[in-house]
Amino acid sequence: MEQIIQIINQVSEINQKLIQENVLPKFERNLNRLFSIFEEEGYICTMPLGEKYNDARTDCTANVVGKEGKNMIITQVIKPIIYKKANGTITLLQKGIVMVENI
């Protein structure tokens, strides 16, 4: 299972780099197929970019950029949130590592 988590992290990192370089459309179908294969095996990968963040959120570990405030938003995802779905239950395997900023 640890190797699958590492593979998901690497694919997620490649995805983010392709977005930053504005070349994602060339590889989007391939990446979507990989994420689909992960889901078929019961792994759910979540990229919480743009979502609100507060201290009560338990699925992420955050690094705050600038001053902390009430309106914190996830501005960068270092590692995705990974869940495993099996036998009707969903288990958190990896907390996301994110950067948050006050907007």
PDB file of N, CA and C in Angstrom:
ATOM      1  N   MET A   1       0.826  -1.201   0.000  1.00  0.00           N
ATOM      2  CA  MET A   1       0.000   0.000   0.000  1.00  0.00           C
ATOM      3  C   MET A   1       0.867   1.261   0.000  1.00  0.00           C
ATOM      4  N   GLU A   2       1.986   1.223   0.710  1.00  0.00           N
ATOM      5  CA  GLU A   2       2.875   2.394   0.777  1.00  0.00           C
ATOM      6  C   GLU A   2       3.395   2.769  -0.609  1.00  0.00           C
ATOM      7  N   GLN A   3       3.668   1.770  -1.451  1.00  0.00           N
ATOM      8  CA  GLN A   3       4.166   2.051  -2.796  1.00  0.00           C
ATOM      9  C   GLN A   3       3.100   2.730  -3.644  1.00  0.00           C
ATOM     10  N   ILE A   4       1.849   2.325  -3.485  1.00  0.00           N
ATOM     11  CA  ILE A   4       0.752   2.957  -4.226  1.00  0.00           C
ATOM     12  C   ILE A   4       0.626   4.421  -3.811  1.00  0.00           C
ATOM     13  N   ILE A   5       0.737   4.698  -2.525  1.00  0.00           N
ATOM     14  CA  ILE A   5       0.670   6.077  -2.041  1.00  0.00           C
ATOM     15  C   ILE A   5       1.797   6.902  -2.659  1.00  0.00           C
ATOM     16  N   GLN A   6       2.994   6.343  -2.727  1.00  0.00           N
ATOM     17  CA  GLN A   6       4.119   7.046  -3.342  1.00  0.00           C
ATOM     18  C   GLN A   6       3.870   7.306  -4.827  1.00  0.00           C
ATOM     19  N   ILE A   7       3.297   6.321  -5.511  1.00  0.00           N
ATOM     20  CA  ILE A   7       2.986   6.498  -6.935  1.00  0.00           C
ATOM     21  C   ILE A   7       1.938   7.593  -7.115  1.00  0.00           C
ATOM     22  N   ILE A   8       0.891   7.588  -6.294  1.00  0.00           N
ATOM     23  CA  ILE A   8      -0.143   8.631  -6.375  1.00  0.00           C
ATOM     24  C   ILE A   8       0.475  10.000  -6.128  1.00  0.00           C
ATOM     25  N   ASN A   9       1.373  10.101  -5.143  1.00  0.00           N
ATOM     26  CA  ASN A   9       2.036  11.378  -4.871  1.00  0.00           C
ATOM     27  C   ASN A   9       2.843  11.851  -6.080  1.00  0.00           C
ATOM     28  N   GLN A  10       3.552  10.940  -6.726  1.00  0.00           N
ATOM     29  CA  GLN A  10       4.359  11.308  -7.885  1.00  0.00           C
ATOM     30  C   GLN A  10       3.482  11.742  -9.064  1.00  0.00           C
ATOM     31  N   VAL A  11       2.407  11.018  -9.319  1.00  0.00           N
ATOM     32  CA  VAL A  11       1.491  11.380 -10.410  1.00  0.00           C
ATOM     33  C   VAL A  11       0.853  12.734 -10.118  1.00  0.00           C
ATOM     34  N   SER A  12       0.485  12.981  -8.864  1.00  0.00           N
ATOM     35  CA  SER A  12      -0.099  14.271  -8.481  1.00  0.00           C
ATOM     36  C   SER A  12       0.906  15.405  -8.681  1.00  0.00           C
ATOM     37  N   GLU A  13       2.158  15.160  -8.341  1.00  0.00           N
ATOM     38  CA  GLU A  13       3.194  16.173  -8.526  1.00  0.00           C
ATOM     39  C   GLU A  13       3.416  16.464 -10.009  1.00  0.00           C
ATOM     40  N   ILE A  14       3.434  15.432 -10.822  1.00  0.00           N
ATOM     41  CA  ILE A  14       3.559  15.624 -12.281  1.00  0.00           C
ATOM     42  C   ILE A  14       2.387  16.450 -12.795  1.00  0.00           C
ATOM     43  N   ASN A  15       1.184  16.131 -12.334  1.00  0.00           N
ATOM     44  CA  ASN A  15      -0.013  16.860 -12.731  1.00  0.00           C
ATOM     45  C   ASN A  15       0.121  18.353 -12.404  1.00  0.00           C
ATOM     46  N   GLN A  16       0.588  18.660 -11.194  1.00  0.00           N
ATOM     47  CA  GLN A  16       0.743  20.060 -10.790  1.00  0.00           C
ATOM     48  C   GLN A  16       1.799  20.776 -11.639  1.00  0.00           C
ATOM     49  N   LYS A  17       2.886  20.101 -11.946  1.00  0.00           N
ATOM     50  CA  LYS A  17       3.937  20.713 -12.771  1.00  0.00           C
ATOM     51  C   LYS A  17       3.436  20.988 -14.187  1.00  0.00           C
ATOM     52  N   LEU A  18       2.633  20.083 -14.716  1.00  0.00           N
ATOM     53  CA  LEU A  18       2.071  20.292 -16.048  1.00  0.00           C
ATOM     54  C   LEU A  18       1.111  21.477 -16.059  1.00  0.00           C
ATOM     55  N   ILE A  19       0.357  21.640 -14.968  1.00  0.00           N
ATOM     56  CA  ILE A  19      -0.534  22.803 -14.844  1.00  0.00           C
ATOM     57  C   ILE A  19       0.288  24.076 -14.819  1.00  0.00           C
ATOM     58  N   GLN A  20       1.358  24.106 -14.008  1.00  0.00           N
ATOM     59  CA  GLN A  20       2.204  25.295 -13.891  1.00  0.00           C
ATOM     60  C   GLN A  20       2.857  25.670 -15.216  1.00  0.00           C
ATOM     61  N   GLU A  21       3.202  24.666 -16.018  1.00  0.00           N
ATOM     62  CA  GLU A  21       3.862  24.902 -17.305  1.00  0.00           C
ATOM     63  C   GLU A  21       2.851  25.103 -18.443  1.00  0.00           C
ATOM     64  N   ASN A  22       1.568  25.089 -18.115  1.00  0.00           N
ATOM     65  CA  ASN A  22       0.490  25.264 -19.096  1.00  0.00           C
ATOM     66  C   ASN A  22       0.520  24.231 -20.216  1.00  0.00           C
ATOM     67  N   VAL A  23       0.891  23.001 -19.907  1.00  0.00           N
ATOM     68  CA  VAL A  23       0.893  21.936 -20.905  1.00  0.00           C
ATOM     69  C   VAL A  23       0.002  20.758 -20.490  1.00  0.00           C
ATOM     70  N   LEU A  24      -0.804  20.947 -19.473  1.00  0.00           N
ATOM     71  CA  LEU A  24      -1.670  19.865 -18.998  1.00  0.00           C
ATOM     72  C   LEU A  24      -2.560  19.288 -20.100  1.00  0.00           C
ATOM     73  N   PRO A  25      -3.157  20.100 -20.975  1.00  0.00           N
ATOM     74  CA  PRO A  25      -4.053  19.518 -21.981  1.00  0.00           C
ATOM     75  C   PRO A  25      -3.429  18.388 -22.814  1.00  0.00           C
ATOM     76  N   LYS A  26      -2.125  18.436 -23.022  1.00  0.00           N
ATOM     77  CA  LYS A  26      -1.454  17.395 -23.802  1.00  0.00           C
ATOM     78  C   LYS A  26      -1.451  16.050 -23.076  1.00  0.00           C
ATOM     79  N   PHE A  27      -1.509  16.071 -21.744  1.00  0.00           N
ATOM     80  CA  PHE A  27      -1.375  14.862 -20.944  1.00  0.00           C
ATOM     81  C   PHE A  27      -2.593  14.559 -20.082  1.00  0.00           C
ATOM     82  N   GLU A  28      -3.583  15.414 -20.148  1.00  0.00           N
ATOM     83  CA  GLU A  28      -4.737  15.310 -19.254  1.00  0.00           C
ATOM     84  C   GLU A  28      -5.456  13.967 -19.361  1.00  0.00           C
ATOM     85  N   ARG A  29      -5.669  13.472 -20.579  1.00  0.00           N
ATOM     86  CA  ARG A  29      -6.353  12.191 -20.755  1.00  0.00           C
ATOM     87  C   ARG A  29      -5.574  11.063 -20.084  1.00  0.00           C
ATOM     88  N   ASN A  30      -4.244  11.077 -20.243  1.00  0.00           N
ATOM     89  CA  ASN A  30      -3.416  10.034 -19.637  1.00  0.00           C
ATOM     90  C   ASN A  30      -3.466  10.100 -18.112  1.00  0.00           C
ATOM     91  N   LEU A  31      -3.369  11.294 -17.573  1.00  0.00           N
ATOM     92  CA  LEU A  31      -3.427  11.448 -16.119  1.00  0.00           C
ATOM     93  C   LEU A  31      -4.790  11.055 -15.571  1.00  0.00           C
ATOM     94  N   ASN A  32      -5.850  11.437 -16.272  1.00  0.00           N
ATOM     95  CA  ASN A  32      -7.195  11.058 -15.840  1.00  0.00           C
ATOM     96  C   ASN A  32      -7.356   9.540 -15.825  1.00  0.00           C
ATOM     97  N   ARG A  33      -6.758   8.873 -16.794  1.00  0.00           N
ATOM     98  CA  ARG A  33      -6.825   7.407 -16.829  1.00  0.00           C
ATOM     99  C   ARG A  33      -6.079   6.808 -15.633  1.00  0.00           C
ATOM    100  N   LEU A  34      -4.920   7.382 -15.281  1.00  0.00           N
ATOM    101  CA  LEU A  34      -4.186   6.894 -14.112  1.00  0.00           C
ATOM    102  C   LEU A  34      -5.004   7.077 -12.838  1.00  0.00           C
ATOM    103  N   PHE A  35      -5.586   8.267 -12.658  1.00  0.00           N
ATOM    104  CA  PHE A  35      -6.396   8.506 -11.465  1.00  0.00           C
ATOM    105  C   PHE A  35      -7.627   7.597 -11.450  1.00  0.00           C
ATOM    106  N   SER A  36      -8.164   7.280 -12.628  1.00  0.00           N
ATOM    107  CA  SER A  36      -9.288   6.365 -12.726  1.00  0.00           C
ATOM    108  C   SER A  36      -8.879   4.955 -12.287  1.00  0.00           C
ATOM    109  N   ILE A  37      -7.687   4.531 -12.673  1.00  0.00           N
ATOM    110  CA  ILE A  37      -7.172   3.217 -12.250  1.00  0.00           C
ATOM    111  C   ILE A  37      -7.017   3.180 -10.730  1.00  0.00           C
ATOM    112  N   PHE A  38      -6.481   4.259 -10.152  1.00  0.00           N
ATOM    113  CA  PHE A  38      -6.352   4.320  -8.690  1.00  0.00           C
ATOM    114  C   PHE A  38      -7.721   4.170  -8.037  1.00  0.00           C
ATOM    115  N   GLU A  39      -8.719   4.877  -8.571  1.00  0.00           N
ATOM    116  CA  GLU A  39     -10.073   4.807  -8.001  1.00  0.00           C
ATOM    117  C   GLU A  39     -10.658   3.412  -8.129  1.00  0.00           C
ATOM    118  N   GLU A  40     -10.406   2.740  -9.250  1.00  0.00           N
ATOM    119  CA  GLU A  40     -10.893   1.374  -9.421  1.00  0.00           C
ATOM    120  C   GLU A  40     -10.313   0.444  -8.356  1.00  0.00           C
ATOM    121  N   GLU A  41      -9.115   0.764  -7.891  1.00  0.00           N
ATOM    122  CA  GLU A  41      -8.463  -0.030  -6.843  1.00  0.00           C
ATOM    123  C   GLU A  41      -8.863   0.434  -5.443  1.00  0.00           C
ATOM    124  N   GLY A  42      -9.748   1.454  -5.370  1.00  0.00           N
ATOM    125  CA  GLY A  42     -10.258   1.917  -4.086  1.00  0.00           C
ATOM    126  C   GLY A  42      -9.543   3.120  -3.498  1.00  0.00           C
ATOM    127  N   TYR A  43      -8.600   3.707  -4.249  1.00  0.00           N
ATOM    128  CA  TYR A  43      -7.865   4.876  -3.751  1.00  0.00           C
ATOM    129  C   TYR A  43      -8.529   6.141  -4.288  1.00  0.00           C
ATOM    130  N   ILE A  44      -8.784   7.065  -3.387  1.00  0.00           N
ATOM    131  CA  ILE A  44      -9.398   8.333  -3.755  1.00  0.00           C
ATOM    132  C   ILE A  44      -8.390   9.438  -3.448  1.00  0.00           C
ATOM    133  N   CYS A  45      -8.028  10.189  -4.468  1.00  0.00           N
ATOM    134  CA  CYS A  45      -7.041  11.263  -4.341  1.00  0.00           C
ATOM    135  C   CYS A  45      -7.764  12.597  -4.453  1.00  0.00           C
ATOM    136  N   THR A  46      -7.591  13.450  -3.460  1.00  0.00           N
ATOM    137  CA  THR A  46      -8.251  14.748  -3.435  1.00  0.00           C
ATOM    138  C   THR A  46      -7.216  15.862  -3.411  1.00  0.00           C
ATOM    139  N   MET A  47      -7.358  16.808  -4.327  1.00  0.00           N
ATOM    140  CA  MET A  47      -6.501  17.991  -4.373  1.00  0.00           C
ATOM    141  C   MET A  47      -7.351  19.168  -3.888  1.00  0.00           C
ATOM    142  N   PRO A  48      -7.166  19.619  -2.645  1.00  0.00           N
ATOM    143  CA  PRO A  48      -8.051  20.634  -2.074  1.00  0.00           C
ATOM    144  C   PRO A  48      -7.704  22.081  -2.448  1.00  0.00           C
ATOM    145  N   LEU A  49      -7.041  22.287  -3.558  1.00  0.00           N
ATOM    146  CA  LEU A  49      -6.643  23.634  -3.992  1.00  0.00           C
ATOM    147  C   LEU A  49      -7.857  24.551  -4.077  1.00  0.00           C
ATOM    148  N   GLY A  50      -7.763  25.713  -3.452  1.00  0.00           N
ATOM    149  CA  GLY A  50      -8.841  26.695  -3.483  1.00  0.00           C
ATOM    150  C   GLY A  50      -9.891  26.517  -2.399  1.00  0.00           C
ATOM    151  N   GLU A  51      -9.801  25.440  -1.636  1.00  0.00           N
ATOM    152  CA  GLU A  51     -10.778  25.205  -0.570  1.00  0.00           C
ATOM    153  C   GLU A  51     -10.449  26.032   0.668  1.00  0.00           C
ATOM    154  N   LYS A  52     -11.467  26.294   1.479  1.00  0.00           N
ATOM    155  CA  LYS A  52     -11.264  27.007   2.735  1.00  0.00           C
ATOM    156  C   LYS A  52     -10.502  26.112   3.706  1.00  0.00           C
ATOM    157  N   TYR A  53      -9.725  26.746   4.571  1.00  0.00           N
ATOM    158  CA  TYR A  53      -8.969  26.009   5.579  1.00  0.00           C
ATOM    159  C   TYR A  53      -9.178  26.657   6.934  1.00  0.00           C
ATOM    160  N   ASN A  54      -9.347  25.807   7.967  1.00  0.00           N
ATOM    161  CA  ASN A  54      -9.333  26.285   9.352  1.00  0.00           C
ATOM    162  C   ASN A  54      -8.694  25.200  10.214  1.00  0.00           C
ATOM    163  N   ASP A  55      -8.403  25.544  11.453  1.00  0.00           N
ATOM    164  CA  ASP A  55      -7.705  24.631  12.357  1.00  0.00           C
ATOM    165  C   ASP A  55      -8.483  23.349  12.647  1.00  0.00           C
ATOM    166  N   ALA A  56      -9.782  23.360  12.437  1.00  0.00           N
ATOM    167  CA  ALA A  56     -10.597  22.177  12.713  1.00  0.00           C
ATOM    168  C   ALA A  56     -10.489  21.129  11.608  1.00  0.00           C
ATOM    169  N   ARG A  57      -9.903  21.497  10.501  1.00  0.00           N
ATOM    170  CA  ARG A  57      -9.776  20.562   9.373  1.00  0.00           C
ATOM    171  C   ARG A  57      -8.740  19.502   9.721  1.00  0.00           C
ATOM    172  N   THR A  58      -9.134  18.247   9.672  1.00  0.00           N
ATOM    173  CA  THR A  58      -8.260  17.152  10.105  1.00  0.00           C
ATOM    174  C   THR A  58      -7.630  16.373   8.953  1.00  0.00           C
ATOM    175  N   ASP A  59      -7.985  16.714   7.718  1.00  0.00           N
ATOM    176  CA  ASP A  59      -7.455  15.963   6.582  1.00  0.00           C
ATOM    177  C   ASP A  59      -6.242  16.623   5.929  1.00  0.00           C
ATOM    178  N   CYS A  60      -5.778  17.733   6.520  1.00  0.00           N
ATOM    179  CA  CYS A  60      -4.642  18.464   5.962  1.00  0.00           C
ATOM    180  C   CYS A  60      -3.699  18.940   7.068  1.00  0.00           C
ATOM    181  N   THR A  61      -2.431  19.019   6.718  1.00  0.00           N
ATOM    182  CA  THR A  61      -1.441  19.683   7.548  1.00  0.00           C
ATOM    183  C   THR A  61      -1.042  20.932   6.765  1.00  0.00           C
ATOM    184  N   ALA A  62      -1.173  22.103   7.399  1.00  0.00           N
ATOM    185  CA  ALA A  62      -0.992  23.356   6.669  1.00  0.00           C
ATOM    186  C   ALA A  62       0.231  24.138   7.134  1.00  0.00           C
ATOM    187  N   ASN A  63       0.850  24.787   6.169  1.00  0.00           N
ATOM    188  CA  ASN A  63       1.881  25.782   6.415  1.00  0.00           C
ATOM    189  C   ASN A  63       1.261  27.120   6.031  1.00  0.00           C
ATOM    190  N   VAL A  64       1.270  28.068   6.955  1.00  0.00           N
ATOM    191  CA  VAL A  64       0.642  29.361   6.725  1.00  0.00           C
ATOM    192  C   VAL A  64       1.644  30.309   6.071  1.00  0.00           C
ATOM    193  N   VAL A  65       1.214  30.924   4.975  1.00  0.00           N
ATOM    194  CA  VAL A  65       2.016  31.930   4.288  1.00  0.00           C
ATOM    195  C   VAL A  65       1.469  33.287   4.701  1.00  0.00           C
ATOM    196  N   GLY A  66       2.309  34.150   5.230  1.00  0.00           N
ATOM    197  CA  GLY A  66       1.854  35.455   5.686  1.00  0.00           C
ATOM    198  C   GLY A  66       1.190  35.360   7.052  1.00  0.00           C
ATOM    199  N   LYS A  67       0.243  36.264   7.287  1.00  0.00           N
ATOM    200  CA  LYS A  67      -0.443  36.300   8.580  1.00  0.00           C
ATOM    201  C   LYS A  67      -1.667  35.403   8.574  1.00  0.00           C
ATOM    202  N   GLU A  68      -1.866  34.727   9.708  1.00  0.00           N
ATOM    203  CA  GLU A  68      -3.032  33.867   9.864  1.00  0.00           C
ATOM    204  C   GLU A  68      -4.271  34.734  10.036  1.00  0.00           C
ATOM    205  N   GLY A  69      -5.398  34.261   9.525  1.00  0.00           N
ATOM    206  CA  GLY A  69      -6.640  35.018   9.642  1.00  0.00           C
ATOM    207  C   GLY A  69      -7.847  34.103   9.606  1.00  0.00           C
ATOM    208  N   LYS A  70      -9.028  34.699   9.512  1.00  0.00           N
ATOM    209  CA  LYS A  70     -10.273  33.937   9.518  1.00  0.00           C
ATOM    210  C   LYS A  70     -10.602  33.354   8.144  1.00  0.00           C
ATOM    211  N   ASN A  71     -10.120  33.973   7.093  1.00  0.00           N
ATOM    212  CA  ASN A  71     -10.455  33.544   5.737  1.00  0.00           C
ATOM    213  C   ASN A  71      -9.255  32.889   5.062  1.00  0.00           C
ATOM    214  N   MET A  72      -8.858  31.736   5.599  1.00  0.00           N
ATOM    215  CA  MET A  72      -7.702  31.031   5.056  1.00  0.00           C
ATOM    216  C   MET A  72      -8.136  30.145   3.880  1.00  0.00           C
ATOM    217  N   ILE A  73      -7.372  30.217   2.810  1.00  0.00           N
ATOM    218  CA  ILE A  73      -7.649  29.435   1.601  1.00  0.00           C
ATOM    219  C   ILE A  73      -6.411  28.611   1.260  1.00  0.00           C
ATOM    220  N   ILE A  74      -6.617  27.392   0.805  1.00  0.00           N
ATOM    221  CA  ILE A  74      -5.504  26.541   0.365  1.00  0.00           C
ATOM    222  C   ILE A  74      -5.041  27.046  -1.002  1.00  0.00           C
ATOM    223  N   THR A  75      -3.792  27.514  -1.047  1.00  0.00           N
ATOM    224  CA  THR A  75      -3.255  28.099  -2.276  1.00  0.00           C
ATOM    225  C   THR A  75      -2.265  27.188  -2.998  1.00  0.00           C
ATOM    226  N   GLN A  76      -1.792  26.160  -2.317  1.00  0.00           N
ATOM    227  CA  GLN A  76      -0.870  25.220  -2.943  1.00  0.00           C
ATOM    228  C   GLN A  76      -1.007  23.867  -2.254  1.00  0.00           C
ATOM    229  N   VAL A  77      -0.963  22.799  -3.047  1.00  0.00           N
ATOM    230  CA  VAL A  77      -1.034  21.440  -2.509  1.00  0.00           C
ATOM    231  C   VAL A  77       0.320  20.783  -2.752  1.00  0.00           C
ATOM    232  N   ILE A  78       1.008  20.443  -1.665  1.00  0.00           N
ATOM    233  CA  ILE A  78       2.298  19.766  -1.763  1.00  0.00           C
ATOM    234  C   ILE A  78       2.073  18.263  -1.936  1.00  0.00           C
ATOM    235  N   LYS A  79       1.173  17.703  -1.112  1.00  0.00           N
ATOM    236  CA  LYS A  79       0.790  16.297  -1.226  1.00  0.00           C
ATOM    237  C   LYS A  79      -0.733  16.224  -1.140  1.00  0.00           C
ATOM    238  N   PRO A  80      -1.343  15.380  -1.964  1.00  0.00           N
ATOM    239  CA  PRO A  80      -2.808  15.280  -1.949  1.00  0.00           C
ATOM    240  C   PRO A  80      -3.322  14.514  -0.733  1.00  0.00           C
ATOM    241  N   ILE A  81      -4.608  14.633  -0.499  1.00  0.00           N
ATOM    242  CA  ILE A  81      -5.280  13.827   0.514  1.00  0.00           C
ATOM    243  C   ILE A  81      -5.604  12.494  -0.158  1.00  0.00           C
ATOM    244  N   ILE A  82      -5.256  11.393   0.500  1.00  0.00           N
ATOM    245  CA  ILE A  82      -5.512  10.077  -0.085  1.00  0.00           C
ATOM    246  C   ILE A  82      -6.352   9.242   0.878  1.00  0.00           C
ATOM    247  N   TYR A  83      -7.455   8.717   0.338  1.00  0.00           N
ATOM    248  CA  TYR A  83      -8.347   7.838   1.074  1.00  0.00           C
ATOM    249  C   TYR A  83      -8.329   6.452   0.431  1.00  0.00           C
ATOM    250  N   LYS A  84      -8.701   5.449   1.192  1.00  0.00           N
ATOM    251  CA  LYS A  84      -8.875   4.091   0.672  1.00  0.00           C
ATOM    252  C   LYS A  84     -10.297   3.660   0.971  1.00  0.00           C
ATOM    253  N   LYS A  85     -11.011   3.262  -0.071  1.00  0.00           N
ATOM    254  CA  LYS A  85     -12.385   2.789   0.083  1.00  0.00           C
ATOM    255  C   LYS A  85     -12.374   1.269  -0.009  1.00  0.00           C
ATOM    256  N   ALA A  86     -12.863   0.621   1.034  1.00  0.00           N
ATOM    257  CA  ALA A  86     -12.925  -0.842   1.064  1.00  0.00           C
ATOM    258  C   ALA A  86     -14.073  -1.279   1.961  1.00  0.00           C
ATOM    259  N   ASN A  87     -14.819  -2.240   1.513  1.00  0.00           N
ATOM    260  CA  ASN A  87     -15.926  -2.816   2.290  1.00  0.00           C
ATOM    261  C   ASN A  87     -16.903  -1.756   2.794  1.00  0.00           C
ATOM    262  N   GLY A  88     -17.175  -0.762   1.965  1.00  0.00           N
ATOM    263  CA  GLY A  88     -18.142   0.260   2.328  1.00  0.00           C
ATOM    264  C   GLY A  88     -17.643   1.335   3.279  1.00  0.00           C
ATOM    265  N   THR A  89     -16.380   1.280   3.669  1.00  0.00           N
ATOM    266  CA  THR A  89     -15.832   2.317   4.544  1.00  0.00           C
ATOM    267  C   THR A  89     -14.708   3.056   3.836  1.00  0.00           C
ATOM    268  N   ILE A  90     -14.541   4.299   4.200  1.00  0.00           N
ATOM    269  CA  ILE A  90     -13.481   5.127   3.634  1.00  0.00           C
ATOM    270  C   ILE A  90     -12.527   5.501   4.753  1.00  0.00           C
ATOM    271  N   THR A  91     -11.228   5.214   4.534  1.00  0.00           N
ATOM    272  CA  THR A  91     -10.199   5.460   5.539  1.00  0.00           C
ATOM    273  C   THR A  91      -9.189   6.466   4.997  1.00  0.00           C
ATOM    274  N   LEU A  92      -8.831   7.433   5.830  1.00  0.00           N
ATOM    275  CA  LEU A  92      -7.801   8.402   5.447  1.00  0.00           C
ATOM    276  C   LEU A  92      -6.432   7.724   5.540  1.00  0.00           C
ATOM    277  N   LEU A  93      -5.719   7.663   4.413  1.00  0.00           N
ATOM    278  CA  LEU A  93      -4.380   7.069   4.392  1.00  0.00           C
ATOM    279  C   LEU A  93      -3.289   8.115   4.524  1.00  0.00           C
ATOM    280  N   GLN A  94      -3.513   9.282   3.920  1.00  0.00           N
ATOM    281  CA  GLN A  94      -2.499  10.338   3.944  1.00  0.00           C
ATOM    282  C   GLN A  94      -3.174  11.694   4.057  1.00  0.00           C
ATOM    283  N   LYS A  95      -2.762  12.461   5.050  1.00  0.00           N
ATOM    284  CA  LYS A  95      -3.225  13.841   5.145  1.00  0.00           C
ATOM    285  C   LYS A  95      -2.559  14.647   4.033  1.00  0.00           C
ATOM    286  N   GLY A  96      -3.283  15.603   3.516  1.00  0.00           N
ATOM    287  CA  GLY A  96      -2.711  16.494   2.532  1.00  0.00           C
ATOM    288  C   GLY A  96      -1.739  17.448   3.209  1.00  0.00           C
ATOM    289  N   ILE A  97      -0.711  17.823   2.490  1.00  0.00           N
ATOM    290  CA  ILE A  97       0.214  18.858   2.964  1.00  0.00           C
ATOM    291  C   ILE A  97      -0.019  20.056   2.064  1.00  0.00           C
ATOM    292  N   VAL A  98      -0.414  21.176   2.671  1.00  0.00           N
ATOM    293  CA  VAL A  98      -0.859  22.334   1.899  1.00  0.00           C
ATOM    294  C   VAL A  98      -0.240  23.636   2.409  1.00  0.00           C
ATOM    295  N   MET A  99      -0.289  24.627   1.556  1.00  0.00           N
ATOM    296  CA  MET A  99       0.074  26.000   1.911  1.00  0.00           C
ATOM    297  C   MET A  99      -1.229  26.775   1.936  1.00  0.00           C
ATOM    298  N   VAL A 100      -1.417  27.601   2.980  1.00  0.00           N
ATOM    299  CA  VAL A 100      -2.627  28.382   3.104  1.00  0.00           C
ATOM    300  C   VAL A 100      -2.284  29.863   3.274  1.00  0.00           C
ATOM    301  N   GLU A 101      -3.204  30.710   2.788  1.00  0.00           N
ATOM    302  CA  GLU A 101      -3.017  32.158   2.904  1.00  0.00           C
ATOM    303  C   GLU A 101      -4.337  32.788   3.301  1.00  0.00           C
ATOM    304  N   ASN A 102      -4.244  33.899   3.994  1.00  0.00           N
ATOM    305  CA  ASN A 102      -5.420  34.674   4.357  1.00  0.00           C
ATOM    306  C   ASN A 102      -5.801  35.532   3.169  1.00  0.00           C
ATOM    307  N   ILE A 103      -7.084  35.465   2.772  1.00  0.00           N
ATOM    308  CA  ILE A 103      -7.499  36.276   1.619  1.00  0.00           C
ATOM    309  C   ILE A 103      -8.224  37.530   2.050  1.00  0.00           C
TER     310      ILE A 103
END
